[in-house]
């Protein structure tokens, strides 16, 4: 079971591909699954209408 699942967010993966709607599962601080996540989690966040960019860091710091 994941610690966190963000469901239905618009995912920008940094490859230059168009954003896609996906779920992202996080376990022990690491992304463990991207796509349609069927398992449950300790915490779930509804990402509908939100943009998610895993690993995106403020380049100005």
N, C-alpha and C. Protein backbone atom coordinates (compact mmCIF):
# COMPACT_ATOMS: atom_id res chain seq x y z
N UNK A 1 0.84 -1.18 0.00
CA UNK A 1 0.00 0.00 0.00
C UNK A 1 0.89 1.24 0.00
N UNK A 2 0.52 2.21 -0.81
CA UNK A 2 1.27 3.46 -0.91
C UNK A 2 0.98 4.35 0.29
N UNK A 3 1.90 5.27 0.57
CA UNK A 3 1.67 6.27 1.61
C UNK A 3 0.75 7.37 1.10
N UNK A 4 0.90 7.72 -0.19
CA UNK A 4 0.15 8.82 -0.78
C UNK A 4 -0.17 8.49 -2.23
N UNK A 5 -1.39 8.78 -2.65
CA UNK A 5 -1.75 8.71 -4.06
C UNK A 5 -2.42 10.03 -4.43
N UNK A 6 -1.90 10.67 -5.46
CA UNK A 6 -2.52 11.86 -6.04
C UNK A 6 -3.27 11.37 -7.26
N UNK A 7 -4.58 11.55 -7.26
CA UNK A 7 -5.42 10.97 -8.31
C UNK A 7 -5.90 12.02 -9.31
N UNK A 8 -5.77 11.68 -10.60
CA UNK A 8 -6.37 12.47 -11.67
C UNK A 8 -5.76 13.82 -11.93
N UNK A 9 -4.49 14.01 -11.58
CA UNK A 9 -3.82 15.29 -11.85
C UNK A 9 -3.32 15.33 -13.29
N UNK A 10 -3.12 16.52 -13.80
CA UNK A 10 -2.53 16.71 -15.12
C UNK A 10 -1.01 16.62 -14.93
N UNK A 11 -0.41 15.55 -15.41
CA UNK A 11 0.98 15.23 -15.15
C UNK A 11 1.90 15.77 -16.24
N UNK A 12 2.88 16.57 -15.83
CA UNK A 12 3.94 17.05 -16.72
C UNK A 12 5.20 16.31 -16.30
N UNK A 13 5.73 15.46 -17.19
CA UNK A 13 6.84 14.59 -16.79
C UNK A 13 8.22 15.09 -17.19
N UNK A 14 8.32 16.25 -17.84
CA UNK A 14 9.63 16.81 -18.18
C UNK A 14 10.24 16.29 -19.45
N UNK A 15 9.54 15.42 -20.18
CA UNK A 15 10.09 14.87 -21.42
C UNK A 15 9.74 15.71 -22.63
N UNK A 16 8.89 16.71 -22.45
CA UNK A 16 8.41 17.50 -23.57
C UNK A 16 7.08 17.00 -24.12
N UNK A 17 6.62 15.87 -23.61
CA UNK A 17 5.33 15.32 -24.03
C UNK A 17 4.19 16.20 -23.49
N UNK A 18 3.05 16.12 -24.13
CA UNK A 18 1.87 16.84 -23.66
C UNK A 18 1.49 16.33 -22.26
N UNK A 19 0.97 17.21 -21.40
CA UNK A 19 0.50 16.74 -20.10
C UNK A 19 -0.58 15.68 -20.27
N UNK A 20 -0.62 14.73 -19.33
CA UNK A 20 -1.64 13.67 -19.37
C UNK A 20 -2.24 13.52 -17.99
N UNK A 21 -3.47 13.07 -17.96
CA UNK A 21 -4.15 12.84 -16.69
C UNK A 21 -3.68 11.49 -16.15
N UNK A 22 -3.20 11.48 -14.91
CA UNK A 22 -2.67 10.24 -14.33
C UNK A 22 -2.75 10.30 -12.81
N UNK A 23 -2.62 9.12 -12.21
CA UNK A 23 -2.46 8.99 -10.76
C UNK A 23 -0.97 8.81 -10.49
N UNK A 24 -0.53 9.27 -9.33
CA UNK A 24 0.87 9.08 -8.92
C UNK A 24 0.87 8.54 -7.50
N UNK A 25 1.53 7.39 -7.31
CA UNK A 25 1.65 6.77 -5.98
C UNK A 25 3.04 7.04 -5.43
N UNK A 26 3.10 7.36 -4.13
CA UNK A 26 4.36 7.63 -3.44
C UNK A 26 4.44 6.71 -2.23
N UNK A 27 5.58 6.01 -2.10
CA UNK A 27 5.83 5.13 -0.97
C UNK A 27 7.23 5.43 -0.43
N UNK A 28 7.34 5.66 0.86
CA UNK A 28 8.62 5.97 1.50
C UNK A 28 9.34 7.12 0.80
N UNK A 29 8.58 8.14 0.36
CA UNK A 29 9.18 9.32 -0.24
C UNK A 29 9.60 9.18 -1.69
N UNK A 30 9.28 8.06 -2.32
CA UNK A 30 9.65 7.82 -3.72
C UNK A 30 8.41 7.55 -4.56
N UNK A 31 8.44 8.05 -5.80
CA UNK A 31 7.35 7.75 -6.73
C UNK A 31 7.46 6.28 -7.10
N UNK A 32 6.40 5.52 -6.86
CA UNK A 32 6.43 4.08 -7.11
C UNK A 32 5.55 3.64 -8.26
N UNK A 33 4.61 4.50 -8.68
CA UNK A 33 3.74 4.13 -9.79
C UNK A 33 3.14 5.39 -10.40
N UNK A 34 3.06 5.39 -11.73
CA UNK A 34 2.41 6.47 -12.47
C UNK A 34 1.46 5.83 -13.46
N UNK A 35 0.25 6.32 -13.53
CA UNK A 35 -0.75 5.76 -14.44
C UNK A 35 -2.07 5.65 -13.71
N UNK A 36 -2.76 4.54 -13.90
CA UNK A 36 -3.98 4.26 -13.15
C UNK A 36 -3.60 3.39 -11.97
N UNK A 37 -3.64 3.94 -10.78
CA UNK A 37 -3.24 3.22 -9.57
C UNK A 37 -4.50 2.62 -8.95
N UNK A 38 -4.54 1.30 -8.86
CA UNK A 38 -5.73 0.60 -8.36
C UNK A 38 -5.69 0.35 -6.86
N UNK A 39 -4.52 0.44 -6.25
CA UNK A 39 -4.42 0.18 -4.82
C UNK A 39 -4.88 1.39 -4.01
N UNK A 40 -5.02 1.20 -2.72
CA UNK A 40 -5.36 2.30 -1.83
C UNK A 40 -4.11 2.90 -1.23
N UNK A 41 -4.28 3.91 -0.39
CA UNK A 41 -3.15 4.57 0.25
C UNK A 41 -3.58 5.10 1.61
N UNK A 42 -2.58 5.40 2.45
CA UNK A 42 -2.87 6.01 3.74
C UNK A 42 -3.53 7.38 3.55
N UNK A 43 -3.09 8.09 2.50
CA UNK A 43 -3.64 9.41 2.19
C UNK A 43 -3.87 9.51 0.69
N UNK A 44 -5.01 10.02 0.28
CA UNK A 44 -5.30 10.22 -1.14
C UNK A 44 -5.70 11.67 -1.36
N UNK A 45 -5.18 12.25 -2.44
CA UNK A 45 -5.45 13.64 -2.78
C UNK A 45 -6.12 13.67 -4.15
N UNK A 46 -7.21 14.42 -4.27
CA UNK A 46 -7.89 14.60 -5.55
C UNK A 46 -7.14 15.67 -6.34
N UNK A 47 -6.48 15.26 -7.41
CA UNK A 47 -5.69 16.18 -8.22
C UNK A 47 -6.44 16.74 -9.41
N UNK A 48 -7.74 16.49 -9.52
CA UNK A 48 -8.52 16.97 -10.66
C UNK A 48 -8.40 18.49 -10.76
N UNK A 49 -8.06 18.97 -11.96
CA UNK A 49 -7.91 20.40 -12.19
C UNK A 49 -6.58 20.97 -11.75
N UNK A 50 -5.69 20.11 -11.23
CA UNK A 50 -4.37 20.56 -10.77
C UNK A 50 -3.28 20.00 -11.66
N UNK A 51 -2.13 20.68 -11.71
CA UNK A 51 -1.00 20.23 -12.50
C UNK A 51 0.04 19.65 -11.54
N UNK A 52 0.63 18.53 -11.92
CA UNK A 52 1.62 17.84 -11.09
C UNK A 52 2.89 17.66 -11.89
N UNK A 53 4.01 18.08 -11.32
CA UNK A 53 5.31 17.94 -11.99
C UNK A 53 6.29 17.32 -11.00
N UNK A 54 6.34 15.98 -10.93
CA UNK A 54 7.24 15.32 -9.98
C UNK A 54 8.69 15.75 -10.18
N UNK A 55 9.35 16.08 -9.09
CA UNK A 55 10.76 16.44 -9.13
C UNK A 55 11.02 17.86 -9.58
N UNK A 56 9.98 18.64 -9.85
CA UNK A 56 10.18 20.02 -10.29
C UNK A 56 10.67 20.83 -9.11
N UNK A 57 11.81 21.48 -9.29
CA UNK A 57 12.43 22.25 -8.21
C UNK A 57 12.59 23.69 -8.68
N UNK A 58 12.40 24.64 -7.78
CA UNK A 58 12.55 26.06 -8.11
C UNK A 58 13.97 26.33 -8.59
N UNK A 59 14.15 26.68 -9.86
CA UNK A 59 15.49 26.87 -10.40
C UNK A 59 16.15 28.17 -9.94
N UNK A 60 15.44 29.00 -9.21
CA UNK A 60 15.98 30.29 -8.78
C UNK A 60 16.63 30.24 -7.41
N UNK A 61 16.70 29.06 -6.79
CA UNK A 61 17.33 28.98 -5.47
C UNK A 61 18.65 28.27 -5.54
